[in-house]
Amino acid sequence: MENNQQIFHQLINANILRREGKYRKVIEHYKDALAGMKDNPFIRAMISICYLQIQSEDSNDPESILTNAIKWITEAIELSPNDVYLRVTLADIYWHGFNDYGGAANEYRKAIDIKPDYVQALSGASAIHELSEDVVTLDEAINWLESAVELAPHQPHLHFRLGNLYQKAGRDVDAKEAWIRSLLCWKPLGEGETNFLKMILSKENTE
């Protein structure tokens, strides 16, 4: 019982330190907690995410830091290979840490195969098309994002991005419908997206 309380305390402290951005100290707490929860994949995932955060803020030795991120998330996946959250976390590391869009797309695809209704995987996989058309086709991106919109209809950025993909595919009517829907969600669309739609409207008015 005392050991469980100690682990709980370590996780609480780690959470507080994460809010403060003190990721190296967070890792220490997670490693201490791991001593009492050796088979917990999610502690390993959090250590991996902390290394990714450190890499984004510290460019002194990014390769070594990212190697640690991959090591910890790989161990997590070995413990729970069908957990889609872990697969998406690995995809995010490939994407944001290494700019490895192929590696990211592969992990997103694995996550979608395991759980086809996992919105974060569908959204992430479709976004890879915007970065590398050779890795994810336009049709794939549209299909995945259409599924994401059905599952999370109140997320304005999903409708907005779907509108962009429709426009790219020459489906102007569908694009405008998706953009209008993005403006009718509970959460308002961001400033950058709104300015883009203003530009589209202005362009139409001058034609």
C-alpha atoms as a PDB file:
ATOM      1  CA  MET A   1       0.000   0.000   0.000  1.00  0.00           C
ATOM      2  CA  GLU A   2       2.837   2.364   0.946  1.00  0.00           C
ATOM      3  CA  ASN A   3       4.567   1.597  -2.357  1.00  0.00           C
ATOM      4  CA  ASN A   4       1.392   2.452  -4.299  1.00  0.00           C
ATOM      5  CA  GLN A   5       1.073   5.749  -2.468  1.00  0.00           C
ATOM      6  CA  GLN A   6       4.670   6.583  -3.278  1.00  0.00           C
ATOM      7  CA  ILE A   7       4.121   5.869  -6.976  1.00  0.00           C
ATOM      8  CA  PHE A   8       0.937   7.942  -6.939  1.00  0.00           C
ATOM      9  CA  HIS A   9       2.868  10.804  -5.343  1.00  0.00           C
ATOM     10  CA  GLN A  10       5.613  10.551  -7.977  1.00  0.00           C
ATOM     11  CA  LEU A  11       3.072  10.674 -10.800  1.00  0.00           C
ATOM     12  CA  ILE A  12       1.358  13.711  -9.280  1.00  0.00           C
ATOM     13  CA  ASN A  13       4.706  15.511  -8.991  1.00  0.00           C
ATOM     14  CA  ALA A  14       5.545  14.552 -12.575  1.00  0.00           C
ATOM     15  CA  ASN A  15       2.245  16.023 -13.738  1.00  0.00           C
ATOM     16  CA  ILE A  16       2.955  19.298 -11.929  1.00  0.00           C
ATOM     17  CA  LEU A  17       6.456  19.489 -13.409  1.00  0.00           C
ATOM     18  CA  ARG A  18       5.088  18.809 -16.890  1.00  0.00           C
ATOM     19  CA  ARG A  19       2.871  21.867 -16.563  1.00  0.00           C
ATOM     20  CA  GLU A  20       5.979  23.841 -15.659  1.00  0.00           C
ATOM     21  CA  GLY A  21       7.916  22.481 -18.640  1.00  0.00           C
ATOM     22  CA  LYS A  22      10.613  20.847 -16.467  1.00  0.00           C
ATOM     23  CA  TYR A  23      10.822  17.722 -18.587  1.00  0.00           C
ATOM     24  CA  ARG A  24      14.180  16.399 -17.394  1.00  0.00           C
ATOM     25  CA  LYS A  25      12.925  16.356 -13.798  1.00  0.00           C
ATOM     26  CA  VAL A  26       9.676  14.776 -15.025  1.00  0.00           C
ATOM     27  CA  ILE A  27      11.657  11.903 -16.523  1.00  0.00           C
ATOM     28  CA  GLU A  28      13.351  11.289 -13.169  1.00  0.00           C
ATOM     29  CA  HIS A  29       9.962  10.961 -11.448  1.00  0.00           C
ATOM     30  CA  TYR A  30       8.639   8.634 -14.148  1.00  0.00           C
ATOM     31  CA  LYS A  31      11.710   6.407 -13.909  1.00  0.00           C
ATOM     32  CA  ASP A  32      11.270   6.228 -10.134  1.00  0.00           C
ATOM     33  CA  ALA A  33       7.617   5.307 -10.604  1.00  0.00           C
ATOM     34  CA  LEU A  34       8.584   2.697 -13.181  1.00  0.00           C
ATOM     35  CA  ALA A  35      10.564   0.823 -10.537  1.00  0.00           C
ATOM     36  CA  GLY A  36       7.243  -0.098  -8.951  1.00  0.00           C
ATOM     37  CA  MET A  37       5.274  -0.471 -12.205  1.00  0.00           C
ATOM     38  CA  LYS A  38       7.747  -2.275 -14.431  1.00  0.00           C
ATOM     39  CA  ASP A  39       5.198  -3.435 -17.010  1.00  0.00           C
ATOM     40  CA  ASN A  40       3.343  -0.132 -17.417  1.00  0.00           C
ATOM     41  CA  PRO A  41       3.597   0.976 -21.064  1.00  0.00           C
ATOM     42  CA  PHE A  42       2.113   4.421 -20.479  1.00  0.00           C
ATOM     43  CA  ILE A  43       4.870   5.574 -18.135  1.00  0.00           C
ATOM     44  CA  ARG A  44       7.313   4.618 -20.877  1.00  0.00           C
ATOM     45  CA  ALA A  45       5.228   6.549 -23.393  1.00  0.00           C
ATOM     46  CA  MET A  46       5.320   9.629 -21.183  1.00  0.00           C
ATOM     47  CA  ILE A  47       9.097   9.380 -20.844  1.00  0.00           C
ATOM     48  CA  SER A  48       9.271   9.221 -24.630  1.00  0.00           C
ATOM     49  CA  ILE A  49       7.037  12.284 -24.999  1.00  0.00           C
ATOM     50  CA  CYS A  50       9.201  14.177 -22.493  1.00  0.00           C
ATOM     51  CA  TYR A  51      12.292  13.446 -24.568  1.00  0.00           C
ATOM     52  CA  LEU A  52      10.472  14.765 -27.632  1.00  0.00           C
ATOM     53  CA  GLN A  53       9.630  17.952 -25.722  1.00  0.00           C
ATOM     54  CA  ILE A  54      13.259  18.332 -24.639  1.00  0.00           C
ATOM     55  CA  GLN A  55      14.406  17.912 -28.233  1.00  0.00           C
ATOM     56  CA  SER A  56      12.096  20.684 -29.408  1.00  0.00           C
ATOM     57  CA  GLU A  57      13.597  23.076 -26.851  1.00  0.00           C
ATOM     58  CA  ASP A  58      17.243  21.915 -26.717  1.00  0.00           C
ATOM     59  CA  SER A  59      19.197  21.623 -29.959  1.00  0.00           C
ATOM     60  CA  ASN A  60      22.541  20.697 -28.358  1.00  0.00           C
ATOM     61  CA  ASP A  61      22.218  16.967 -28.946  1.00  0.00           C
ATOM     62  CA  PRO A  62      18.908  16.329 -30.759  1.00  0.00           C
ATOM     63  CA  GLU A  63      19.896  12.955 -32.233  1.00  0.00           C
ATOM     64  CA  SER A  64      20.697  11.424 -28.840  1.00  0.00           C
ATOM     65  CA  ILE A  65      17.525  12.842 -27.308  1.00  0.00           C
ATOM     66  CA  LEU A  66      15.352  11.482 -30.119  1.00  0.00           C
ATOM     67  CA  THR A  67      17.058   8.095 -29.893  1.00  0.00           C
ATOM     68  CA  ASN A  68      15.889   7.970 -26.280  1.00  0.00           C
ATOM     69  CA  ALA A  69      12.366   8.968 -27.345  1.00  0.00           C
ATOM     70  CA  ILE A  70      12.242   6.096 -29.837  1.00  0.00           C
ATOM     71  CA  LYS A  71      13.724   3.643 -27.307  1.00  0.00           C
ATOM     72  CA  TRP A  72      11.072   4.314 -24.667  1.00  0.00           C
ATOM     73  CA  ILE A  73       8.052   4.325 -26.983  1.00  0.00           C
ATOM     74  CA  THR A  74       9.292   1.142 -28.671  1.00  0.00           C
ATOM     75  CA  GLU A  75       9.462  -0.564 -25.274  1.00  0.00           C
ATOM     76  CA  ALA A  76       5.933   0.633 -24.561  1.00  0.00           C
ATOM     77  CA  ILE A  77       4.634  -0.807 -27.830  1.00  0.00           C
ATOM     78  CA  GLU A  78       6.360  -4.127 -27.148  1.00  0.00           C
ATOM     79  CA  LEU A  79       4.363  -4.317 -23.915  1.00  0.00           C
ATOM     80  CA  SER A  80       1.078  -3.320 -25.569  1.00  0.00           C
ATOM     81  CA  PRO A  81       1.364  -3.718 -29.369  1.00  0.00           C
ATOM     82  CA  ASN A  82      -2.327  -3.118 -30.097  1.00  0.00           C
ATOM     83  CA  ASP A  83      -2.658   0.122 -28.180  1.00  0.00           C
ATOM     84  CA  VAL A  84      -3.436   2.814 -30.752  1.00  0.00           C
ATOM     85  CA  TYR A  85      -2.385   5.680 -28.470  1.00  0.00           C
ATOM     86  CA  LEU A  86       1.134   4.258 -28.350  1.00  0.00           C
ATOM     87  CA  ARG A  87       1.203   3.769 -32.129  1.00  0.00           C
ATOM     88  CA  VAL A  88       0.096   7.363 -32.697  1.00  0.00           C
ATOM     89  CA  THR A  89       2.709   8.589 -30.226  1.00  0.00           C
ATOM     90  CA  LEU A  90       5.413   6.807 -32.220  1.00  0.00           C
ATOM     91  CA  ALA A  91       3.995   8.302 -35.424  1.00  0.00           C
ATOM     92  CA  ASP A  92       4.137  11.772 -33.870  1.00  0.00           C
ATOM     93  CA  ILE A  93       7.789  11.246 -32.911  1.00  0.00           C
ATOM     94  CA  TYR A  94       8.685  10.164 -36.446  1.00  0.00           C
ATOM     95  CA  TRP A  95       6.858  13.228 -37.773  1.00  0.00           C
ATOM     96  CA  HIS A  96       7.802  16.006 -35.374  1.00  0.00           C
ATOM     97  CA  GLY A  97      11.138  14.645 -34.226  1.00  0.00           C
ATOM     98  CA  PHE A  98      12.677  13.246 -37.393  1.00  0.00           C
ATOM     99  CA  ASN A  99      10.543  14.694 -40.220  1.00  0.00           C
ATOM    100  CA  ASP A 100      10.202  11.048 -41.247  1.00  0.00           C
ATOM    101  CA  TYR A 101       6.820  11.233 -42.958  1.00  0.00           C
ATOM    102  CA  GLY A 102       7.006   7.685 -44.267  1.00  0.00           C
ATOM    103  CA  GLY A 103       7.648   6.281 -40.794  1.00  0.00           C
ATOM    104  CA  ALA A 104       4.860   8.414 -39.365  1.00  0.00           C
ATOM    105  CA  ALA A 105       2.391   7.327 -42.057  1.00  0.00           C
ATOM    106  CA  ASN A 106       3.219   3.653 -41.447  1.00  0.00           C
ATOM    107  CA  GLU A 107       2.457   3.968 -37.740  1.00  0.00           C
ATOM    108  CA  TYR A 108      -0.747   5.924 -38.369  1.00  0.00           C
ATOM    109  CA  ARG A 109      -1.839   3.187 -40.789  1.00  0.00           C
ATOM    110  CA  LYS A 110      -1.144   0.521 -38.165  1.00  0.00           C
ATOM    111  CA  ALA A 111      -3.207   2.468 -35.652  1.00  0.00           C
ATOM    112  CA  ILE A 112      -6.087   2.804 -38.121  1.00  0.00           C
ATOM    113  CA  ASP A 113      -5.941  -0.921 -38.887  1.00  0.00           C
ATOM    114  CA  ILE A 114      -6.233  -1.653 -35.161  1.00  0.00           C
ATOM    115  CA  LYS A 115      -8.936   0.933 -34.451  1.00  0.00           C
ATOM    116  CA  PRO A 116     -10.521   2.484 -37.578  1.00  0.00           C
ATOM    117  CA  ASP A 117     -12.504   4.994 -35.493  1.00  0.00           C
ATOM    118  CA  TYR A 118      -9.504   6.553 -33.721  1.00  0.00           C
ATOM    119  CA  VAL A 119      -9.820  10.210 -34.719  1.00  0.00           C
ATOM    120  CA  GLN A 120      -6.274  11.229 -33.827  1.00  0.00           C
ATOM    121  CA  ALA A 121      -4.849   8.545 -36.125  1.00  0.00           C
ATOM    122  CA  LEU A 122      -7.203   9.449 -38.971  1.00  0.00           C
ATOM    123  CA  SER A 123      -6.428  13.145 -38.628  1.00  0.00           C
ATOM    124  CA  GLY A 124      -2.679  12.603 -38.334  1.00  0.00           C
ATOM    125  CA  ALA A 125      -2.523  10.235 -41.279  1.00  0.00           C
ATOM    126  CA  SER A 126      -4.428  12.654 -43.520  1.00  0.00           C
ATOM    127  CA  ALA A 127      -2.155  15.526 -42.474  1.00  0.00           C
ATOM    128  CA  ILE A 128       0.893  13.673 -43.795  1.00  0.00           C
ATOM    129  CA  HIS A 129      -0.454  14.243 -47.324  1.00  0.00           C
ATOM    130  CA  GLU A 130      -0.018  17.987 -46.818  1.00  0.00           C
ATOM    131  CA  LEU A 131       3.679  17.339 -46.109  1.00  0.00           C
ATOM    132  CA  SER A 132       4.457  14.541 -48.555  1.00  0.00           C
ATOM    133  CA  GLU A 133       2.087  13.651 -51.377  1.00  0.00           C
ATOM    134  CA  ASP A 134       4.261  10.651 -52.254  1.00  0.00           C
ATOM    135  CA  VAL A 135       3.650   9.054 -48.866  1.00  0.00           C
ATOM    136  CA  VAL A 136      -0.111   9.616 -48.523  1.00  0.00           C
ATOM    137  CA  THR A 137      -2.290  10.118 -51.609  1.00  0.00           C
ATOM    138  CA  LEU A 138      -4.980  12.774 -51.876  1.00  0.00           C
ATOM    139  CA  ASP A 139      -7.696  10.100 -52.014  1.00  0.00           C
ATOM    140  CA  GLU A 140      -6.362   8.445 -48.856  1.00  0.00           C
ATOM    141  CA  ALA A 141      -6.218  11.779 -47.051  1.00  0.00           C
ATOM    142  CA  ILE A 142      -9.796  12.636 -48.031  1.00  0.00           C
ATOM    143  CA  ASN A 143     -11.138   9.227 -47.018  1.00  0.00           C
ATOM    144  CA  TRP A 144      -9.426   9.352 -43.626  1.00  0.00           C
ATOM    145  CA  LEU A 145     -10.484  12.922 -42.917  1.00  0.00           C
ATOM    146  CA  GLU A 146     -14.081  12.216 -43.963  1.00  0.00           C
ATOM    147  CA  SER A 147     -14.110   9.424 -41.379  1.00  0.00           C
ATOM    148  CA  ALA A 148     -12.615  11.736 -38.753  1.00  0.00           C
ATOM    149  CA  VAL A 149     -15.291  14.379 -39.434  1.00  0.00           C
ATOM    150  CA  GLU A 150     -18.062  11.794 -39.028  1.00  0.00           C
ATOM    151  CA  LEU A 151     -16.598  10.721 -35.691  1.00  0.00           C
ATOM    152  CA  ALA A 152     -15.828  14.231 -34.409  1.00  0.00           C
ATOM    153  CA  PRO A 153     -18.306  16.540 -36.172  1.00  0.00           C
ATOM    154  CA  HIS A 154     -17.793  19.423 -33.745  1.00  0.00           C
ATOM    155  CA  GLN A 155     -14.077  19.902 -34.461  1.00  0.00           C
ATOM    156  CA  PRO A 156     -13.818  22.950 -36.771  1.00  0.00           C
ATOM    157  CA  HIS A 157     -10.240  22.314 -37.873  1.00  0.00           C
ATOM    158  CA  LEU A 158     -11.215  18.914 -39.275  1.00  0.00           C
ATOM    159  CA  HIS A 159     -13.935  20.428 -41.463  1.00  0.00           C
ATOM    160  CA  PHE A 160     -11.564  23.200 -42.515  1.00  0.00           C
ATOM    161  CA  ARG A 161      -8.818  20.786 -43.549  1.00  0.00           C
ATOM    162  CA  LEU A 162     -11.329  18.594 -45.365  1.00  0.00           C
ATOM    163  CA  GLY A 163     -12.454  21.654 -47.308  1.00  0.00           C
ATOM    164  CA  ASN A 164      -8.856  22.287 -48.317  1.00  0.00           C
ATOM    165  CA  LEU A 165      -8.477  18.727 -49.558  1.00  0.00           C
ATOM    166  CA  TYR A 166     -11.740  18.933 -51.504  1.00  0.00           C
ATOM    167  CA  GLN A 167     -10.526  22.151 -53.126  1.00  0.00           C
ATOM    168  CA  LYS A 168      -7.263  20.456 -54.085  1.00  0.00           C
ATOM    169  CA  ALA A 169      -9.263  17.605 -55.639  1.00  0.00           C
ATOM    170  CA  GLY A 170     -11.306  20.075 -57.697  1.00  0.00           C
ATOM    171  CA  ARG A 171     -14.454  19.478 -55.623  1.00  0.00           C
ATOM    172  CA  ASP A 172     -15.270  23.152 -55.104  1.00  0.00           C
ATOM    173  CA  VAL A 173     -18.886  22.669 -53.977  1.00  0.00           C
ATOM    174  CA  ASP A 174     -17.863  20.115 -51.357  1.00  0.00           C
ATOM    175  CA  ALA A 175     -15.023  22.387 -50.280  1.00  0.00           C
ATOM    176  CA  LYS A 176     -17.335  25.318 -49.645  1.00  0.00           C
ATOM    177  CA  GLU A 177     -19.767  23.115 -47.696  1.00  0.00           C
ATOM    178  CA  ALA A 178     -16.938  21.837 -45.498  1.00  0.00           C
ATOM    179  CA  TRP A 179     -15.630  25.367 -44.885  1.00  0.00           C
ATOM    180  CA  ILE A 180     -19.118  26.615 -43.976  1.00  0.00           C
ATOM    181  CA  ARG A 181     -19.478  23.710 -41.556  1.00  0.00           C
ATOM    182  CA  SER A 182     -16.135  24.649 -39.982  1.00  0.00           C
ATOM    183  CA  LEU A 183     -17.632  28.044 -39.115  1.00  0.00           C
ATOM    184  CA  LEU A 184     -20.675  26.493 -37.455  1.00  0.00           C
ATOM    185  CA  CYS A 185     -18.990  24.491 -34.709  1.00  0.00           C
ATOM    186  CA  TRP A 186     -19.171  25.279 -31.009  1.00  0.00           C
ATOM    187  CA  LYS A 187     -15.459  26.094 -30.944  1.00  0.00           C
ATOM    188  CA  PRO A 188     -14.623  29.043 -33.231  1.00  0.00           C
ATOM    189  CA  LEU A 189     -12.238  28.548 -36.100  1.00  0.00           C
ATOM    190  CA  GLY A 190      -8.724  29.891 -35.565  1.00  0.00           C
ATOM    191  CA  GLU A 191      -7.539  33.258 -36.840  1.00  0.00           C
ATOM    192  CA  GLY A 192      -5.296  31.841 -39.559  1.00  0.00           C
ATOM    193  CA  GLU A 193      -8.021  29.601 -40.938  1.00  0.00           C
ATOM    194  CA  THR A 194     -10.559  32.442 -40.820  1.00  0.00           C
ATOM    195  CA  ASN A 195      -8.204  34.744 -42.720  1.00  0.00           C
ATOM    196  CA  PHE A 196      -7.739  32.033 -45.342  1.00  0.00           C
ATOM    197  CA  LEU A 197     -11.505  31.791 -45.841  1.00  0.00           C
ATOM    198  CA  LYS A 198     -11.723  35.577 -46.128  1.00  0.00           C
ATOM    199  CA  MET A 199      -9.122  35.399 -48.866  1.00  0.00           C
ATOM    200  CA  ILE A 200     -11.108  32.718 -50.700  1.00  0.00           C
ATOM    201  CA  LEU A 201     -14.273  34.825 -50.455  1.00  0.00           C
ATOM    202  CA  SER A 202     -12.430  37.950 -51.626  1.00  0.00           C
ATOM    203  CA  LYS A 203     -11.011  36.065 -54.591  1.00  0.00           C
ATOM    204  CA  GLU A 204     -14.469  34.854 -55.606  1.00  0.00           C
ATOM    205  CA  ASN A 205     -15.856  38.394 -55.426  1.00  0.00           C
ATOM    206  CA  THR A 206     -13.199  39.708 -57.802  1.00  0.00           C
ATOM    207  CA  GLU A 207     -13.706  37.003 -60.416  1.00  0.00           C
END
